Amino acid sequence: MKRLLFILPCLVFISFSQLDSAISSKTVRITPKSELQINGTSNVKDFTCQYEIQNLNEPFRIHYEKANDIIRFEKSEIILKNKGFDCGGKGINNDFHSLLQSNLYPNITLKLKEIKLNPHKKNIVDALIDIEIAGLVNAYHMRTEFYYNQGWSISGKLKLNIKDFDLEAPKKMFGLVVVSDDIEINFKLEIEEC
């Protein structure tokens, strides 16, 4: 549910080997090998909403500055179209868009703010991101893993509560089917520099 949370932290890692103390920028692209999904539960059945990665095929720029073990970002965001999520059926897709108020807020925006490198764990960082859903913005810290092999592979998961965005989980069949307020966003992004 967050241009999906996972994308922005990943993009930052593309330029780790060439960072300096001045503000720099790079153009990157998320490849079709990437995956992003939102997992949720109800008292009846679990569900998964898969993001159609082809919606992220346009290259975009990330702007960053490195100071010691911290990389700060400016104007580095990803926009996820709510309609780009497929939850497996027309009914659950409609519920998903109703929950996100897609008619008023058609996108989820992820802004990468900062990455803290871990000198003791080479391929793990703490990413600080702002997520905007239904017009509200919240900041989250997310543990992210990254690897380089002819491009960057970035993965992570973030658990959040939809009430953080003043959203209310749908209830079906007169309240007999109740969706949990807690969701998990999982991503594995394959990123290449343009």
C-alpha atoms as a PDB file:
ATOM      1  CA  MET A   1       0.000   0.000   0.000  1.00  0.00           C
ATOM      2  CA  LYS A   2       2.882   2.341  -0.249  1.00  0.00           C
ATOM      3  CA  ARG A   3       4.445   3.318  -3.562  1.00  0.00           C
ATOM      4  CA  LEU A   4       5.133   0.653  -1.803  1.00  0.00           C
ATOM      5  CA  LEU A   5       7.364   1.346   0.916  1.00  0.00           C
ATOM      6  CA  PHE A   6       9.905  -0.788  -0.317  1.00  0.00           C
ATOM      7  CA  ILE A   7      10.835   0.912  -3.583  1.00  0.00           C
ATOM      8  CA  LEU A   8      12.399   4.129  -2.353  1.00  0.00           C
ATOM      9  CA  PRO A   9      14.913   2.661   0.043  1.00  0.00           C
ATOM     10  CA  CYS A  10      16.033   0.390  -2.679  1.00  0.00           C
ATOM     11  CA  LEU A  11      16.765   3.033  -5.221  1.00  0.00           C
ATOM     12  CA  VAL A  12      19.209   4.735  -2.964  1.00  0.00           C
ATOM     13  CA  PHE A  13      21.610   1.864  -2.922  1.00  0.00           C
ATOM     14  CA  ILE A  14      22.338   2.063  -6.604  1.00  0.00           C
ATOM     15  CA  SER A  15      25.020   4.646  -6.114  1.00  0.00           C
ATOM     16  CA  PHE A  16      26.675   3.518  -2.896  1.00  0.00           C
ATOM     17  CA  SER A  17      29.996   2.897  -4.564  1.00  0.00           C
ATOM     18  CA  GLN A  18      30.196   6.411  -6.011  1.00  0.00           C
ATOM     19  CA  LEU A  19      28.866   8.583  -3.165  1.00  0.00           C
ATOM     20  CA  ASP A  20      30.641  11.679  -1.984  1.00  0.00           C
ATOM     21  CA  SER A  21      29.769  14.563   0.346  1.00  0.00           C
ATOM     22  CA  ALA A  22      28.182  16.763  -2.337  1.00  0.00           C
ATOM     23  CA  ILE A  23      24.548  16.503  -3.412  1.00  0.00           C
ATOM     24  CA  SER A  24      24.360  13.988  -6.233  1.00  0.00           C
ATOM     25  CA  SER A  25      21.612  12.566  -8.369  1.00  0.00           C
ATOM     26  CA  LYS A  26      21.084   9.419 -10.408  1.00  0.00           C
ATOM     27  CA  THR A  27      18.435   8.207 -12.792  1.00  0.00           C
ATOM     28  CA  VAL A  28      17.217   4.691 -12.048  1.00  0.00           C
ATOM     29  CA  ARG A  29      14.580   2.274 -13.250  1.00  0.00           C
ATOM     30  CA  ILE A  30      12.726  -0.557 -11.530  1.00  0.00           C
ATOM     31  CA  THR A  31      12.912  -3.641 -13.757  1.00  0.00           C
ATOM     32  CA  PRO A  32      10.026  -6.048 -14.527  1.00  0.00           C
ATOM     33  CA  LYS A  33      11.711  -8.723 -12.359  1.00  0.00           C
ATOM     34  CA  SER A  34      10.634  -6.771  -9.270  1.00  0.00           C
ATOM     35  CA  GLU A  35       7.803  -7.731  -6.926  1.00  0.00           C
ATOM     36  CA  LEU A  36       5.656  -5.727  -4.524  1.00  0.00           C
ATOM     37  CA  GLN A  37       2.684  -6.958  -2.542  1.00  0.00           C
ATOM     38  CA  ILE A  38       0.484  -6.142   0.399  1.00  0.00           C
ATOM     39  CA  ASN A  39      -0.607  -8.994   2.649  1.00  0.00           C
ATOM     40  CA  GLY A  40      -3.565  -8.864   4.990  1.00  0.00           C
ATOM     41  CA  THR A  41      -5.776 -11.144   7.029  1.00  0.00           C
ATOM     42  CA  SER A  42      -9.403 -11.472   7.994  1.00  0.00           C
ATOM     43  CA  ASN A  43     -11.245 -13.788  10.343  1.00  0.00           C
ATOM     44  CA  VAL A  44     -12.122 -15.902   7.279  1.00  0.00           C
ATOM     45  CA  LYS A  45      -9.246 -15.777   4.792  1.00  0.00           C
ATOM     46  CA  ASP A  46      -5.859 -14.149   4.161  1.00  0.00           C
ATOM     47  CA  PHE A  47      -5.386 -12.007   1.063  1.00  0.00           C
ATOM     48  CA  THR A  48      -2.567 -10.646  -1.096  1.00  0.00           C
ATOM     49  CA  CYS A  49      -2.683  -7.570  -3.307  1.00  0.00           C
ATOM     50  CA  GLN A  50       0.051  -7.721  -5.952  1.00  0.00           C
ATOM     51  CA  TYR A  51       1.305  -4.502  -7.567  1.00  0.00           C
ATOM     52  CA  GLU A  52       1.631  -4.540 -11.356  1.00  0.00           C
ATOM     53  CA  ILE A  53       5.303  -3.588 -11.674  1.00  0.00           C
ATOM     54  CA  GLN A  54       4.928  -2.501 -15.297  1.00  0.00           C
ATOM     55  CA  ASN A  55       3.277   0.636 -13.840  1.00  0.00           C
ATOM     56  CA  LEU A  56       6.738   1.628 -12.564  1.00  0.00           C
ATOM     57  CA  ASN A  57       8.610   1.326 -15.854  1.00  0.00           C
ATOM     58  CA  GLU A  58       9.436   5.039 -16.181  1.00  0.00           C
ATOM     59  CA  PRO A  59      12.944   6.054 -15.052  1.00  0.00           C
ATOM     60  CA  PHE A  60      13.082   8.533 -12.163  1.00  0.00           C
ATOM     61  CA  ARG A  61      15.734  10.565 -10.373  1.00  0.00           C
ATOM     62  CA  ILE A  62      16.977  10.239  -6.840  1.00  0.00           C
ATOM     63  CA  HIS A  63      18.875  13.075  -5.146  1.00  0.00           C
ATOM     64  CA  TYR A  64      21.140  12.358  -2.183  1.00  0.00           C
ATOM     65  CA  GLU A  65      23.963  13.570   0.024  1.00  0.00           C
ATOM     66  CA  LYS A  66      26.192  11.335   2.134  1.00  0.00           C
ATOM     67  CA  ALA A  67      27.587  12.341   5.522  1.00  0.00           C
ATOM     68  CA  ASN A  68      29.448   9.560   7.347  1.00  0.00           C
ATOM     69  CA  ASP A  69      27.067   6.583   7.662  1.00  0.00           C
ATOM     70  CA  ILE A  70      23.932   8.547   6.738  1.00  0.00           C
ATOM     71  CA  ILE A  71      22.604   9.238   3.258  1.00  0.00           C
ATOM     72  CA  ARG A  72      19.938  11.965   3.090  1.00  0.00           C
ATOM     73  CA  PHE A  73      17.564  12.289   0.146  1.00  0.00           C
ATOM     74  CA  GLU A  74      15.693  15.148  -1.438  1.00  0.00           C
ATOM     75  CA  LYS A  75      12.953  14.959  -4.062  1.00  0.00           C
ATOM     76  CA  SER A  76      13.313  11.177  -4.187  1.00  0.00           C
ATOM     77  CA  GLU A  77       9.852   9.678  -4.371  1.00  0.00           C
ATOM     78  CA  ILE A  78       7.856   6.960  -6.029  1.00  0.00           C
ATOM     79  CA  ILE A  79       4.176   7.187  -6.800  1.00  0.00           C
ATOM     80  CA  LEU A  80       2.113   4.013  -6.787  1.00  0.00           C
ATOM     81  CA  LYS A  81      -1.230   4.065  -8.546  1.00  0.00           C
ATOM     82  CA  ASN A  82      -3.862   2.464  -6.325  1.00  0.00           C
ATOM     83  CA  LYS A  83      -5.410   0.929  -9.450  1.00  0.00           C
ATOM     84  CA  GLY A  84      -2.108  -0.886 -10.018  1.00  0.00           C
ATOM     85  CA  PHE A  85      -2.906  -3.363  -7.216  1.00  0.00           C
ATOM     86  CA  ASP A  86      -4.638  -6.642  -7.999  1.00  0.00           C
ATOM     87  CA  CYS A  87      -6.037  -8.488  -5.000  1.00  0.00           C
ATOM     88  CA  GLY A  88      -7.322 -11.459  -6.985  1.00  0.00           C
ATOM     89  CA  GLY A  89     -10.915 -10.594  -7.795  1.00  0.00           C
ATOM     90  CA  LYS A  90     -13.297  -7.787  -8.642  1.00  0.00           C
ATOM     91  CA  GLY A  91     -15.005  -7.744  -5.228  1.00  0.00           C
ATOM     92  CA  ILE A  92     -11.840  -7.602  -3.149  1.00  0.00           C
ATOM     93  CA  ASN A  93     -10.289  -5.069  -5.567  1.00  0.00           C
ATOM     94  CA  ASN A  94     -13.337  -2.832  -5.066  1.00  0.00           C
ATOM     95  CA  ASP A  95     -13.005  -3.202  -1.280  1.00  0.00           C
ATOM     96  CA  PHE A  96      -9.300  -2.352  -1.501  1.00  0.00           C
ATOM     97  CA  HIS A  97      -9.982   0.832  -3.508  1.00  0.00           C
ATOM     98  CA  SER A  98     -12.835   1.773  -1.214  1.00  0.00           C
ATOM     99  CA  LEU A  99     -10.533   1.385   1.801  1.00  0.00           C
ATOM    100  CA  LEU A 100      -7.868   3.616   0.207  1.00  0.00           C
ATOM    101  CA  GLN A 101     -10.484   6.133  -0.949  1.00  0.00           C
ATOM    102  CA  SER A 102      -9.026   5.827  -4.444  1.00  0.00           C
ATOM    103  CA  ASN A 103     -11.688   8.083  -5.950  1.00  0.00           C
ATOM    104  CA  LEU A 104     -10.294  10.994  -3.860  1.00  0.00           C
ATOM    105  CA  TYR A 105      -6.678   9.836  -3.414  1.00  0.00           C
ATOM    106  CA  PRO A 106      -5.676   7.760  -6.464  1.00  0.00           C
ATOM    107  CA  ASN A 107      -2.018   7.315  -5.462  1.00  0.00           C
ATOM    108  CA  ILE A 108       0.235   6.211  -2.649  1.00  0.00           C
ATOM    109  CA  THR A 109       3.420   8.271  -2.412  1.00  0.00           C
ATOM    110  CA  LEU A 110       6.671   7.032  -0.934  1.00  0.00           C
ATOM    111  CA  LYS A 111       9.383   9.558  -0.158  1.00  0.00           C
ATOM    112  CA  LEU A 112      12.824   8.316   0.752  1.00  0.00           C
ATOM    113  CA  LYS A 113      14.183  10.616   3.451  1.00  0.00           C
ATOM    114  CA  GLU A 114      17.283   8.946   4.859  1.00  0.00           C
ATOM    115  CA  ILE A 115      19.284   5.749   4.965  1.00  0.00           C
ATOM    116  CA  LYS A 116      21.528   4.808   7.847  1.00  0.00           C
ATOM    117  CA  LEU A 117      24.300   2.418   6.888  1.00  0.00           C
ATOM    118  CA  ASN A 118      25.258  -0.313   9.328  1.00  0.00           C
ATOM    119  CA  PRO A 119      29.052  -0.674   9.551  1.00  0.00           C
ATOM    120  CA  HIS A 120      28.650  -4.110  11.187  1.00  0.00           C
ATOM    121  CA  LYS A 121      26.194  -5.511   8.633  1.00  0.00           C
ATOM    122  CA  LYS A 122      27.341  -4.677   5.133  1.00  0.00           C
ATOM    123  CA  ASN A 123      24.123  -5.419   3.237  1.00  0.00           C
ATOM    124  CA  ILE A 124      21.558  -4.122   5.739  1.00  0.00           C
ATOM    125  CA  VAL A 125      20.412  -0.522   6.250  1.00  0.00           C
ATOM    126  CA  ASP A 126      17.724   1.336   8.163  1.00  0.00           C
ATOM    127  CA  ALA A 127      15.633   3.412   5.750  1.00  0.00           C
ATOM    128  CA  LEU A 128      13.439   6.315   6.869  1.00  0.00           C
ATOM    129  CA  ILE A 129      10.521   6.885   4.512  1.00  0.00           C
ATOM    130  CA  ASP A 130       7.417   9.035   4.457  1.00  0.00           C
ATOM    131  CA  ILE A 131       4.317   7.236   3.200  1.00  0.00           C
ATOM    132  CA  GLU A 132       1.271   9.146   2.064  1.00  0.00           C
ATOM    133  CA  ILE A 133      -2.017   7.245   1.885  1.00  0.00           C
ATOM    134  CA  ALA A 134      -5.462   8.850   1.600  1.00  0.00           C
ATOM    135  CA  GLY A 135      -3.981  12.310   2.128  1.00  0.00           C
ATOM    136  CA  LEU A 136      -2.152  11.506   5.395  1.00  0.00           C
ATOM    137  CA  VAL A 137       1.629  11.155   5.770  1.00  0.00           C
ATOM    138  CA  ASN A 138       3.434   8.981   8.314  1.00  0.00           C
ATOM    139  CA  ALA A 139       7.155   8.290   8.748  1.00  0.00           C
ATOM    140  CA  TYR A 140       8.446   4.716   9.091  1.00  0.00           C
ATOM    141  CA  HIS A 141      11.797   3.080   9.717  1.00  0.00           C
ATOM    142  CA  MET A 142      12.318  -0.018   7.631  1.00  0.00           C
ATOM    143  CA  ARG A 143      15.099  -2.603   7.701  1.00  0.00           C
ATOM    144  CA  THR A 144      16.188  -3.164   4.116  1.00  0.00           C
ATOM    145  CA  GLU A 145      18.606  -5.648   2.559  1.00  0.00           C
ATOM    146  CA  PHE A 146      20.474  -4.948  -0.669  1.00  0.00           C
ATOM    147  CA  TYR A 147      22.897  -6.742  -2.965  1.00  0.00           C
ATOM    148  CA  TYR A 148      24.669  -5.759  -6.121  1.00  0.00           C
ATOM    149  CA  ASN A 149      25.098  -8.138  -9.061  1.00  0.00           C
ATOM    150  CA  GLN A 150      24.931  -6.306 -12.407  1.00  0.00           C
ATOM    151  CA  GLY A 151      22.245  -4.135 -10.793  1.00  0.00           C
ATOM    152  CA  TRP A 152      20.765  -3.652  -7.331  1.00  0.00           C
ATOM    153  CA  SER A 153      18.486  -6.153  -5.649  1.00  0.00           C
ATOM    154  CA  ILE A 154      16.661  -4.574  -2.689  1.00  0.00           C
ATOM    155  CA  SER A 155      14.209  -6.311  -0.402  1.00  0.00           C
ATOM    156  CA  GLY A 156      12.325  -5.733   2.798  1.00  0.00           C
ATOM    157  CA  LYS A 157       9.021  -5.827   4.597  1.00  0.00           C
ATOM    158  CA  LEU A 158       7.109  -3.294   6.601  1.00  0.00           C
ATOM    159  CA  LYS A 159       4.247  -3.934   8.993  1.00  0.00           C
ATOM    160  CA  LEU A 160       1.805  -1.101   9.585  1.00  0.00           C
ATOM    161  CA  ASN A 161      -1.656  -0.405  10.868  1.00  0.00           C
ATOM    162  CA  ILE A 162      -4.168   1.176   8.483  1.00  0.00           C
ATOM    163  CA  LYS A 163      -5.546   3.241  11.366  1.00  0.00           C
ATOM    164  CA  ASP A 164      -2.309   5.258  11.173  1.00  0.00           C
ATOM    165  CA  PHE A 165      -3.924   6.761   8.048  1.00  0.00           C
ATOM    166  CA  ASP A 166      -7.424   7.101   9.551  1.00  0.00           C
ATOM    167  CA  LEU A 167      -8.608   4.174   7.422  1.00  0.00           C
ATOM    168  CA  GLU A 168     -11.155   1.652   8.600  1.00  0.00           C
ATOM    169  CA  ALA A 169     -11.035  -1.967   7.487  1.00  0.00           C
ATOM    170  CA  PRO A 170     -14.155  -3.111   5.626  1.00  0.00           C
ATOM    171  CA  LYS A 171     -16.666  -5.437   7.271  1.00  0.00           C
ATOM    172  CA  LYS A 172     -18.737  -7.797   5.146  1.00  0.00           C
ATOM    173  CA  MET A 173     -21.854  -9.891   5.573  1.00  0.00           C
ATOM    174  CA  PHE A 174     -23.269  -7.725   8.374  1.00  0.00           C
ATOM    175  CA  GLY A 175     -19.977  -7.758  10.265  1.00  0.00           C
ATOM    176  CA  LEU A 176     -19.382 -11.516  10.131  1.00  0.00           C
ATOM    177  CA  VAL A 177     -16.243 -11.064   7.976  1.00  0.00           C
ATOM    178  CA  VAL A 178     -13.778  -8.644   9.542  1.00  0.00           C
ATOM    179  CA  VAL A 179     -10.470  -7.579   7.970  1.00  0.00           C
ATOM    180  CA  SER A 180      -7.526  -6.966  10.319  1.00  0.00           C
ATOM    181  CA  ASP A 181      -6.163  -3.417  10.672  1.00  0.00           C
ATOM    182  CA  ASP A 182      -2.592  -4.744  10.369  1.00  0.00           C
ATOM    183  CA  ILE A 183      -1.023  -5.252   6.962  1.00  0.00           C
ATOM    184  CA  GLU A 184       2.439  -6.202   5.739  1.00  0.00           C
ATOM    185  CA  ILE A 185       4.147  -4.801   2.681  1.00  0.00           C
ATOM    186  CA  ASN A 186       6.736  -7.084   1.066  1.00  0.00           C
ATOM    187  CA  PHE A 187       8.995  -6.069  -1.771  1.00  0.00           C
ATOM    188  CA  LYS A 188      11.910  -7.298  -3.810  1.00  0.00           C
ATOM    189  CA  LEU A 189      13.076  -4.675  -6.253  1.00  0.00           C
ATOM    190  CA  GLU A 190      15.514  -5.148  -9.075  1.00  0.00           C
ATOM    191  CA  ILE A 191      16.918  -1.724  -9.934  1.00  0.00           C
ATOM    192  CA  GLU A 192      19.243  -0.584 -12.681  1.00  0.00           C
ATOM    193  CA  GLU A 193      20.889   2.731 -13.362  1.00  0.00           C
ATOM    194  CA  CYS A 194      19.837   4.482 -16.575  1.00  0.00           C
END
